[in-house]
Amino acid sequence: MRSQSYATASSPPSGARMRAGSNGSTRSSRPLAGTCRLQNRICTASAATGSRKNAPSRRADGWAGLPRSRRVATFTSGDHTWVVQGPEVWALTGPNGSGKTTLLRQLVHPDTSPAARLRPRTTCHVDHVGYLPQRPDVDLGLSPLELVAQVAPHRSPAEIRNKLARFLLRGDAATRAVGTLSGGERFRAMLARVLLAQPIPELLVLDEPTNDIDLDTKDHLVQALNAYEGAIIVVSHERAFLERIHIDAELHLDTRGTLTASH
């Protein structure tokens, strides 16, 4: 069985490690797609995406790139399977209580029970996942600098400070207890913990990331996701946000537990 490890906005499991890849290009400003190609009941967004260049470029941090041919994750419902491939952005939508959070958690904590085979399920095919749940469980007594150091032990304090500044966590905001920060600052600290992990996640999984954040923090989140070079799977009810991050495909989960491609 593949050994997986995760960077999360919650306290990490003991000995957690991560690795990642990307191609160094930016996301396009293409309109909302929400469609994908169906071939023999296997659906991918690859044919419709033009958001990334094919050739990866090695960055200063050594990340050579997530190839577009890399299978990242699959969603399965009945006889249908949808494939997240390469640095694509997928949205999972649906009403509250339909099970979207449970479906996302399967990417981080696989459910192999017989009952899991009877409902929509997800399978992760990469080694390192960054997970930002709705309610991160972290020690609020730690500072943003300390939270990042937990998942990036090879980064120096000075390097972490410099990178936290890109998340608008400058000066004492980087060293104060997270519990004393504003809501926006706290969210950016959680986001930094996921994105600055070493090695970088190949896949980001975000559950309702725009809930209860201010407009400036939302703008920063959009910028961070558009600059991120791996795959993204996000749950959100906010259509404007999904348009801004240029999703490649959208799946809808209804209250009956049926997963369908949204067009």
C-alpha atoms as a PDB file:
ATOM      1  CA  MET A   1       0.000   0.000   0.000  1.00  0.00           C
ATOM      2  CA  ARG A   2       1.268   3.489  -0.827  1.00  0.00           C
ATOM      3  CA  SER A   3       2.607   5.361   2.159  1.00  0.00           C
ATOM      4  CA  GLN A   4       1.101   8.849   2.286  1.00  0.00           C
ATOM      5  CA  SER A   5       1.878  11.849   4.415  1.00  0.00           C
ATOM      6  CA  TYR A   6       0.143  15.172   4.797  1.00  0.00           C
ATOM      7  CA  ALA A   7       0.616  18.809   5.652  1.00  0.00           C
ATOM      8  CA  THR A   8      -2.511  20.082   7.313  1.00  0.00           C
ATOM      9  CA  ALA A   9      -3.645  23.182   9.109  1.00  0.00           C
ATOM     10  CA  SER A  10      -4.201  20.875  12.054  1.00  0.00           C
ATOM     11  CA  SER A  11      -1.570  19.348  14.286  1.00  0.00           C
ATOM     12  CA  PRO A  12       0.460  16.932  12.132  1.00  0.00           C
ATOM     13  CA  PRO A  13       0.762  13.209  12.800  1.00  0.00           C
ATOM     14  CA  SER A  14       4.011  12.149  14.382  1.00  0.00           C
ATOM     15  CA  GLY A  15       6.823  11.975  11.848  1.00  0.00           C
ATOM     16  CA  ALA A  16       4.779  13.435   9.013  1.00  0.00           C
ATOM     17  CA  ARG A  17       6.732  14.076   5.818  1.00  0.00           C
ATOM     18  CA  MET A  18       5.778  15.599   2.497  1.00  0.00           C
ATOM     19  CA  ARG A  19       6.933  15.931  -1.093  1.00  0.00           C
ATOM     20  CA  ALA A  20       5.454  17.721  -4.088  1.00  0.00           C
ATOM     21  CA  GLY A  21       5.751  18.855  -7.685  1.00  0.00           C
ATOM     22  CA  SER A  22       4.682  21.559 -10.170  1.00  0.00           C
ATOM     23  CA  ASN A  23       5.548  23.131 -13.465  1.00  0.00           C
ATOM     24  CA  GLY A  24       6.148  26.770 -12.606  1.00  0.00           C
ATOM     25  CA  SER A  25       3.438  28.314 -14.760  1.00  0.00           C
ATOM     26  CA  THR A  26       0.489  30.402 -13.654  1.00  0.00           C
ATOM     27  CA  ARG A  27      -3.208  29.687 -14.002  1.00  0.00           C
ATOM     28  CA  SER A  28      -4.980  31.152 -16.984  1.00  0.00           C
ATOM     29  CA  SER A  29      -7.874  33.554 -16.804  1.00  0.00           C
ATOM     30  CA  ARG A  30     -10.112  31.155 -18.725  1.00  0.00           C
ATOM     31  CA  PRO A  31     -13.819  31.284 -17.803  1.00  0.00           C
ATOM     32  CA  LEU A  32     -15.394  28.803 -15.433  1.00  0.00           C
ATOM     33  CA  ALA A  33     -15.350  25.400 -17.065  1.00  0.00           C
ATOM     34  CA  GLY A  34     -17.257  23.010 -14.845  1.00  0.00           C
ATOM     35  CA  THR A  35     -17.170  20.440 -17.635  1.00  0.00           C
ATOM     36  CA  CYS A  36     -15.006  17.468 -18.434  1.00  0.00           C
ATOM     37  CA  ARG A  37     -14.493  14.865 -21.110  1.00  0.00           C
ATOM     38  CA  LEU A  38     -16.273  11.519 -20.717  1.00  0.00           C
ATOM     39  CA  GLN A  39     -14.566   8.521 -22.275  1.00  0.00           C
ATOM     40  CA  ASN A  40     -15.655   5.000 -21.440  1.00  0.00           C
ATOM     41  CA  ARG A  41     -17.139   6.318 -18.206  1.00  0.00           C
ATOM     42  CA  ILE A  42     -13.816   7.818 -17.139  1.00  0.00           C
ATOM     43  CA  CYS A  43     -13.934  11.595 -16.977  1.00  0.00           C
ATOM     44  CA  THR A  44     -10.958  13.960 -16.923  1.00  0.00           C
ATOM     45  CA  ALA A  45     -10.623  17.691 -17.343  1.00  0.00           C
ATOM     46  CA  SER A  46      -7.367  17.430 -19.251  1.00  0.00           C
ATOM     47  CA  ALA A  47      -8.834  17.989 -22.684  1.00  0.00           C
ATOM     48  CA  ALA A  48     -10.486  21.211 -21.596  1.00  0.00           C
ATOM     49  CA  THR A  49      -7.695  22.755 -19.541  1.00  0.00           C
ATOM     50  CA  GLY A  50      -5.220  25.246 -20.859  1.00  0.00           C
ATOM     51  CA  SER A  51      -4.197  26.595 -17.488  1.00  0.00           C
ATOM     52  CA  ARG A  52      -0.681  25.149 -17.297  1.00  0.00           C
ATOM     53  CA  LYS A  53       2.270  24.749 -19.603  1.00  0.00           C
ATOM     54  CA  ASN A  54       3.386  21.227 -20.414  1.00  0.00           C
ATOM     55  CA  ALA A  55       7.054  21.657 -19.652  1.00  0.00           C
ATOM     56  CA  PRO A  56       7.917  21.903 -15.964  1.00  0.00           C
ATOM     57  CA  SER A  57      10.568  24.336 -14.770  1.00  0.00           C
ATOM     58  CA  ARG A  58      12.726  23.784 -11.719  1.00  0.00           C
ATOM     59  CA  ARG A  59      12.239  26.458  -9.058  1.00  0.00           C
ATOM     60  CA  ALA A  60      14.721  27.671  -6.492  1.00  0.00           C
ATOM     61  CA  ASP A  61      13.210  25.293  -3.925  1.00  0.00           C
ATOM     62  CA  GLY A  62      13.948  22.320  -6.193  1.00  0.00           C
ATOM     63  CA  TRP A  63      10.337  21.565  -7.146  1.00  0.00           C
ATOM     64  CA  ALA A  64      10.635  20.290 -10.723  1.00  0.00           C
ATOM     65  CA  GLY A  65       6.926  20.237 -11.467  1.00  0.00           C
ATOM     66  CA  LEU A  66       3.744  18.178 -11.306  1.00  0.00           C
ATOM     67  CA  PRO A  67       3.457  16.607 -14.790  1.00  0.00           C
ATOM     68  CA  ARG A  68       0.132  17.017 -16.555  1.00  0.00           C
ATOM     69  CA  SER A  69       0.154  13.262 -17.101  1.00  0.00           C
ATOM     70  CA  ARG A  70       0.283  12.558 -13.368  1.00  0.00           C
ATOM     71  CA  ARG A  71      -2.880  10.998 -11.958  1.00  0.00           C
ATOM     72  CA  VAL A  72      -3.594  12.856  -8.725  1.00  0.00           C
ATOM     73  CA  ALA A  73      -6.962  11.643  -7.463  1.00  0.00           C
ATOM     74  CA  THR A  74     -10.119   9.871  -8.564  1.00  0.00           C
ATOM     75  CA  PHE A  75     -13.771  10.315  -7.634  1.00  0.00           C
ATOM     76  CA  THR A  76     -16.005   7.271  -8.049  1.00  0.00           C
ATOM     77  CA  SER A  77     -19.794   7.104  -7.972  1.00  0.00           C
ATOM     78  CA  GLY A  78     -21.591   4.038  -9.288  1.00  0.00           C
ATOM     79  CA  ASP A  79     -20.180   3.184 -12.713  1.00  0.00           C
ATOM     80  CA  HIS A  80     -18.555   6.576 -13.206  1.00  0.00           C
ATOM     81  CA  THR A  81     -15.007   7.610 -12.360  1.00  0.00           C
ATOM     82  CA  TRP A  82     -13.605  11.123 -12.666  1.00  0.00           C
ATOM     83  CA  VAL A  83      -9.853  11.662 -12.734  1.00  0.00           C
ATOM     84  CA  VAL A  84      -7.990  14.699 -11.423  1.00  0.00           C
ATOM     85  CA  GLN A  85      -4.845  14.786 -13.502  1.00  0.00           C
ATOM     86  CA  GLY A  86      -1.830  17.050 -13.255  1.00  0.00           C
ATOM     87  CA  PRO A  87      -2.123  20.608 -11.900  1.00  0.00           C
ATOM     88  CA  GLU A  88      -5.884  20.871 -12.342  1.00  0.00           C
ATOM     89  CA  VAL A  89      -8.381  22.732 -10.163  1.00  0.00           C
ATOM     90  CA  TRP A  90     -11.573  20.869  -9.285  1.00  0.00           C
ATOM     91  CA  ALA A  91     -14.565  22.094  -7.317  1.00  0.00           C
ATOM     92  CA  LEU A  92     -16.892  19.920  -5.256  1.00  0.00           C
ATOM     93  CA  THR A  93     -20.274  21.564  -4.741  1.00  0.00           C
ATOM     94  CA  GLY A  94     -23.620  20.600  -3.252  1.00  0.00           C
ATOM     95  CA  PRO A  95     -26.037  21.443  -0.448  1.00  0.00           C
ATOM     96  CA  ASN A  96     -25.060  21.408   3.194  1.00  0.00           C
ATOM     97  CA  GLY A  97     -25.251  17.957   4.716  1.00  0.00           C
ATOM     98  CA  SER A  98     -24.721  16.113   1.444  1.00  0.00           C
ATOM     99  CA  GLY A  99     -21.387  14.654   2.567  1.00  0.00           C
ATOM    100  CA  LYS A 100     -18.824  16.851   0.818  1.00  0.00           C
ATOM    101  CA  THR A 101     -16.547  17.071   3.872  1.00  0.00           C
ATOM    102  CA  THR A 102     -16.682  13.294   4.333  1.00  0.00           C
ATOM    103  CA  LEU A 103     -15.723  12.836   0.691  1.00  0.00           C
ATOM    104  CA  LEU A 104     -12.761  15.207   1.053  1.00  0.00           C
ATOM    105  CA  ARG A 105     -11.548  13.486   4.200  1.00  0.00           C
ATOM    106  CA  GLN A 106     -11.200  10.236   2.275  1.00  0.00           C
ATOM    107  CA  LEU A 107      -8.344  11.855   0.362  1.00  0.00           C
ATOM    108  CA  VAL A 108      -6.495  12.404   3.633  1.00  0.00           C
ATOM    109  CA  HIS A 109      -7.766   9.448   5.668  1.00  0.00           C
ATOM    110  CA  PRO A 110      -8.818   6.650   3.269  1.00  0.00           C
ATOM    111  CA  ASP A 111     -11.895   4.661   4.278  1.00  0.00           C
ATOM    112  CA  THR A 112     -11.448   1.039   3.230  1.00  0.00           C
ATOM    113  CA  SER A 113     -14.516  -0.326   4.973  1.00  0.00           C
ATOM    114  CA  PRO A 114     -17.054  -2.320   2.890  1.00  0.00           C
ATOM    115  CA  ALA A 115     -19.661   0.390   3.518  1.00  0.00           C
ATOM    116  CA  ALA A 116     -17.438   2.963   1.812  1.00  0.00           C
ATOM    117  CA  ARG A 117     -17.768   1.083  -1.474  1.00  0.00           C
ATOM    118  CA  LEU A 118     -21.505   1.686  -1.503  1.00  0.00           C
ATOM    119  CA  ARG A 119     -21.279   5.472  -1.643  1.00  0.00           C
ATOM    120  CA  PRO A 120     -19.285   8.061  -3.629  1.00  0.00           C
ATOM    121  CA  ARG A 121     -15.633   7.844  -2.724  1.00  0.00           C
ATOM    122  CA  THR A 122     -12.313   9.447  -3.456  1.00  0.00           C
ATOM    123  CA  THR A 123      -8.872   7.929  -3.870  1.00  0.00           C
ATOM    124  CA  CYS A 124      -5.602   9.831  -3.643  1.00  0.00           C
ATOM    125  CA  HIS A 125      -2.754   8.788  -5.948  1.00  0.00           C
ATOM    126  CA  VAL A 126      -0.007  11.161  -4.763  1.00  0.00           C
ATOM    127  CA  ASP A 127       2.214  10.939  -1.720  1.00  0.00           C
ATOM    128  CA  HIS A 128       1.862  14.378  -0.195  1.00  0.00           C
ATOM    129  CA  VAL A 129      -1.332  16.307   0.421  1.00  0.00           C
ATOM    130  CA  GLY A 130      -1.960  19.708   1.970  1.00  0.00           C
ATOM    131  CA  TYR A 131      -5.281  19.764   3.832  1.00  0.00           C
ATOM    132  CA  LEU A 132      -7.085  22.842   5.124  1.00  0.00           C
ATOM    133  CA  PRO A 133     -10.253  21.761   6.977  1.00  0.00           C
ATOM    134  CA  GLN A 134     -13.046  24.084   8.015  1.00  0.00           C
ATOM    135  CA  ARG A 135     -11.927  24.060  11.649  1.00  0.00           C
ATOM    136  CA  PRO A 136      -8.175  23.533  11.931  1.00  0.00           C
ATOM    137  CA  ASP A 137      -7.104  21.897  15.186  1.00  0.00           C
ATOM    138  CA  VAL A 138      -3.826  23.522  16.160  1.00  0.00           C
ATOM    139  CA  ASP A 139      -2.204  24.675  19.371  1.00  0.00           C
ATOM    140  CA  LEU A 140      -3.320  28.312  19.573  1.00  0.00           C
ATOM    141  CA  GLY A 141      -0.418  29.010  21.893  1.00  0.00           C
ATOM    142  CA  LEU A 142       2.060  28.514  19.068  1.00  0.00           C
ATOM    143  CA  SER A 143       3.091  31.305  16.732  1.00  0.00           C
ATOM    144  CA  PRO A 144       2.774  31.199  12.937  1.00  0.00           C
ATOM    145  CA  LEU A 145       6.548  30.793  12.777  1.00  0.00           C
ATOM    146  CA  GLU A 146       6.375  27.754  15.067  1.00  0.00           C
ATOM    147  CA  LEU A 147       3.441  26.227  13.188  1.00  0.00           C
ATOM    148  CA  VAL A 148       5.336  26.406   9.901  1.00  0.00           C
ATOM    149  CA  ALA A 149       8.545  25.114  11.512  1.00  0.00           C
ATOM    150  CA  GLN A 150       6.666  21.967  12.579  1.00  0.00           C
ATOM    151  CA  VAL A 151       6.042  20.983   8.944  1.00  0.00           C
ATOM    152  CA  ALA A 152       9.166  22.573   7.447  1.00  0.00           C
ATOM    153  CA  PRO A 153      11.941  21.653   9.898  1.00  0.00           C
ATOM    154  CA  HIS A 154      14.698  22.375   7.383  1.00  0.00           C
ATOM    155  CA  ARG A 155      13.701  26.007   6.897  1.00  0.00           C
ATOM    156  CA  SER A 156      15.566  28.523   9.035  1.00  0.00           C
ATOM    157  CA  PRO A 157      13.607  30.974  11.221  1.00  0.00           C
ATOM    158  CA  ALA A 158      14.770  33.816   8.974  1.00  0.00           C
ATOM    159  CA  GLU A 159      13.517  32.021   5.866  1.00  0.00           C
ATOM    160  CA  ILE A 160      10.169  31.276   7.499  1.00  0.00           C
ATOM    161  CA  ARG A 161       9.810  34.934   8.532  1.00  0.00           C
ATOM    162  CA  ASN A 162      10.474  36.053   4.973  1.00  0.00           C
ATOM    163  CA  LYS A 163       7.900  33.653   3.586  1.00  0.00           C
ATOM    164  CA  LEU A 164       5.320  34.540   6.242  1.00  0.00           C
ATOM    165  CA  ALA A 165       5.630  38.158   5.140  1.00  0.00           C
ATOM    166  CA  ARG A 166       4.132  37.074   1.810  1.00  0.00           C
ATOM    167  CA  PHE A 167       1.092  35.992   3.807  1.00  0.00           C
ATOM    168  CA  LEU A 168       0.947  39.473   5.372  1.00  0.00           C
ATOM    169  CA  LEU A 169       2.264  38.100   8.673  1.00  0.00           C
ATOM    170  CA  ARG A 170       5.030  40.581   9.385  1.00  0.00           C
ATOM    171  CA  GLY A 171       6.798  41.719  12.535  1.00  0.00           C
ATOM    172  CA  ASP A 172       5.317  40.447  15.763  1.00  0.00           C
ATOM    173  CA  ALA A 173       2.374  38.872  13.889  1.00  0.00           C
ATOM    174  CA  ALA A 174       4.792  36.090  12.944  1.00  0.00           C
ATOM    175  CA  THR A 175       5.828  35.395  16.529  1.00  0.00           C
ATOM    176  CA  ARG A 176       2.668  36.078  18.545  1.00  0.00           C
ATOM    177  CA  ALA A 177       0.456  33.221  19.676  1.00  0.00           C
ATOM    178  CA  VAL A 178      -2.023  32.307  16.937  1.00  0.00           C
ATOM    179  CA  GLY A 179      -4.845  32.623  19.461  1.00  0.00           C
ATOM    180  CA  THR A 180      -4.136  36.346  19.820  1.00  0.00           C
ATOM    181  CA  LEU A 181      -4.252  37.078  16.081  1.00  0.00           C
ATOM    182  CA  SER A 182      -7.218  38.439  14.162  1.00  0.00           C
ATOM    183  CA  GLY A 183      -9.413  36.038  12.219  1.00  0.00           C
ATOM    184  CA  GLY A 184      -7.777  36.972   8.934  1.00  0.00           C
ATOM    185  CA  GLU A 185      -4.275  36.637  10.341  1.00  0.00           C
ATOM    186  CA  ARG A 186      -5.120  33.269  11.866  1.00  0.00           C
ATOM    187  CA  PHE A 187      -6.450  31.963   8.541  1.00  0.00           C
ATOM    188  CA  ARG A 188      -3.332  33.147   6.709  1.00  0.00           C
ATOM    189  CA  ALA A 189      -1.192  31.371   9.310  1.00  0.00           C
ATOM    190  CA  MET A 190      -3.095  28.134   8.632  1.00  0.00           C
ATOM    191  CA  LEU A 191      -2.729  28.625   4.882  1.00  0.00           C
ATOM    192  CA  ALA A 192       0.989  29.298   5.271  1.00  0.00           C
ATOM    193  CA  ARG A 193       1.357  26.124   7.317  1.00  0.00           C
ATOM    194  CA  VAL A 194      -0.035  24.109   4.411  1.00  0.00           C
ATOM    195  CA  LEU A 195       1.709  25.883   1.524  1.00  0.00           C
ATOM    196  CA  LEU A 196       5.135  26.249   3.154  1.00  0.00           C
ATOM    197  CA  ALA A 197       5.430  22.618   4.209  1.00  0.00           C
ATOM    198  CA  GLN A 198       8.463  20.695   3.014  1.00  0.00           C
ATOM    199  CA  PRO A 199       8.329  19.151   0.572  1.00  0.00           C
ATOM    200  CA  ILE A 200       5.530  21.123  -1.086  1.00  0.00           C
ATOM    201  CA  PRO A 201       2.160  19.352  -1.421  1.00  0.00           C
ATOM    202  CA  GLU A 202       1.293  17.877  -4.779  1.00  0.00           C
ATOM    203  CA  LEU A 203      -2.400  18.287  -3.968  1.00  0.00           C
ATOM    204  CA  LEU A 204      -4.243  20.917  -1.925  1.00  0.00           C
ATOM    205  CA  VAL A 205      -7.572  19.919  -0.383  1.00  0.00           C
ATOM    206  CA  LEU A 206      -9.615  22.850   0.948  1.00  0.00           C
ATOM    207  CA  ASP A 207     -12.970  22.642   2.711  1.00  0.00           C
ATOM    208  CA  GLU A 208     -14.993  25.875   2.503  1.00  0.00           C
ATOM    209  CA  PRO A 209     -11.894  28.101   2.736  1.00  0.00           C
ATOM    210  CA  THR A 210     -13.814  31.367   2.241  1.00  0.00           C
ATOM    211  CA  ASN A 211     -16.103  30.901   5.245  1.00  0.00           C
ATOM    212  CA  ASP A 212     -15.767  33.705   7.791  1.00  0.00           C
ATOM    213  CA  ILE A 213     -12.798  35.513   6.267  1.00  0.00           C
ATOM    214  CA  ASP A 214     -12.607  39.179   5.328  1.00  0.00           C
ATOM    215  CA  LEU A 215     -12.328  40.464   1.768  1.00  0.00           C
ATOM    216  CA  ASP A 216      -8.602  41.209   1.982  1.00  0.00           C
ATOM    217  CA  THR A 217      -7.872  37.689   3.238  1.00  0.00           C
ATOM    218  CA  LYS A 218     -10.072  36.241   0.501  1.00  0.00           C
ATOM    219  CA  ASP A 219      -8.134  38.213  -2.104  1.00  0.00           C
ATOM    220  CA  HIS A 220      -4.897  36.877  -0.648  1.00  0.00           C
ATOM    221  CA  LEU A 221      -6.253  33.323  -0.746  1.00  0.00           C
ATOM    222  CA  VAL A 222      -7.165  33.704  -4.419  1.00  0.00           C
ATOM    223  CA  GLN A 223      -3.688  35.012  -5.213  1.00  0.00           C
ATOM    224  CA  ALA A 224      -2.038  32.162  -3.311  1.00  0.00           C
ATOM    225  CA  LEU A 225      -4.114  29.497  -5.061  1.00  0.00           C
ATOM    226  CA  ASN A 226      -3.538  30.994  -8.501  1.00  0.00           C
ATOM    227  CA  ALA A 227       0.206  31.014  -7.812  1.00  0.00           C
ATOM    228  CA  TYR A 228       0.206  27.456  -6.451  1.00  0.00           C
ATOM    229  CA  GLU A 229       1.397  24.956  -9.037  1.00  0.00           C
ATOM    230  CA  GLY A 230      -0.025  21.624  -7.918  1.00  0.00           C
ATOM    231  CA  ALA A 231      -3.545  20.195  -8.072  1.00  0.00           C
ATOM    232  CA  ILE A 232      -6.418  21.664  -6.053  1.00  0.00           C
ATOM    233  CA  ILE A 233      -9.700  20.130  -4.893  1.00  0.00           C
ATOM    234  CA  VAL A 234     -11.928  22.642  -3.139  1.00  0.00           C
ATOM    235  CA  VAL A 235     -15.374  22.613  -1.567  1.00  0.00           C
ATOM    236  CA  SER A 236     -17.136  25.958  -1.840  1.00  0.00           C
ATOM    237  CA  HIS A 237     -20.615  27.422  -2.195  1.00  0.00           C
ATOM    238  CA  GLU A 238     -19.202  30.715  -3.444  1.00  0.00           C
ATOM    239  CA  ARG A 239     -19.459  30.885  -7.220  1.00  0.00           C
ATOM    240  CA  ALA A 240     -17.481  34.117  -7.549  1.00  0.00           C
ATOM    241  CA  PHE A 241     -14.577  32.558  -5.668  1.00  0.00           C
ATOM    242  CA  LEU A 242     -14.605  29.472  -7.898  1.00  0.00           C
ATOM    243  CA  GLU A 243     -14.564  31.679 -10.972  1.00  0.00           C
ATOM    244  CA  ARG A 244     -11.587  33.611  -9.634  1.00  0.00           C
ATOM    245  CA  ILE A 245      -9.491  30.469  -9.129  1.00  0.00           C
ATOM    246  CA  HIS A 246     -10.362  29.263 -12.657  1.00  0.00           C
ATOM    247  CA  ILE A 247     -11.613  25.770 -11.948  1.00  0.00           C
ATOM    248  CA  ASP A 248     -11.163  23.146 -14.643  1.00  0.00           C
ATOM    249  CA  ALA A 249     -14.048  20.898 -13.617  1.00  0.00           C
ATOM    250  CA  GLU A 250     -16.872  20.696 -11.087  1.00  0.00           C
ATOM    251  CA  LEU A 251     -18.570  17.749  -9.411  1.00  0.00           C
ATOM    252  CA  HIS A 252     -21.907  18.081  -7.622  1.00  0.00           C
ATOM    253  CA  LEU A 253     -22.931  15.907  -4.657  1.00  0.00           C
ATOM    254  CA  ASP A 254     -26.646  15.895  -3.919  1.00  0.00           C
ATOM    255  CA  THR A 255     -28.477  14.984  -0.708  1.00  0.00           C
ATOM    256  CA  ARG A 256     -29.060  11.442  -1.981  1.00  0.00           C
ATOM    257  CA  GLY A 257     -25.307  10.892  -2.182  1.00  0.00           C
ATOM    258  CA  THR A 258     -25.209  10.973  -5.960  1.00  0.00           C
ATOM    259  CA  LEU A 259     -22.120  12.488  -7.551  1.00  0.00           C
ATOM    260  CA  THR A 260     -22.432  14.010 -11.019  1.00  0.00           C
ATOM    261  CA  ALA A 261     -20.396  16.229 -13.320  1.00  0.00           C
ATOM    262  CA  SER A 262     -21.766  19.764 -13.308  1.00  0.00           C
ATOM    263  CA  HIS A 263     -22.043  21.517 -16.679  1.00  0.00           C
END
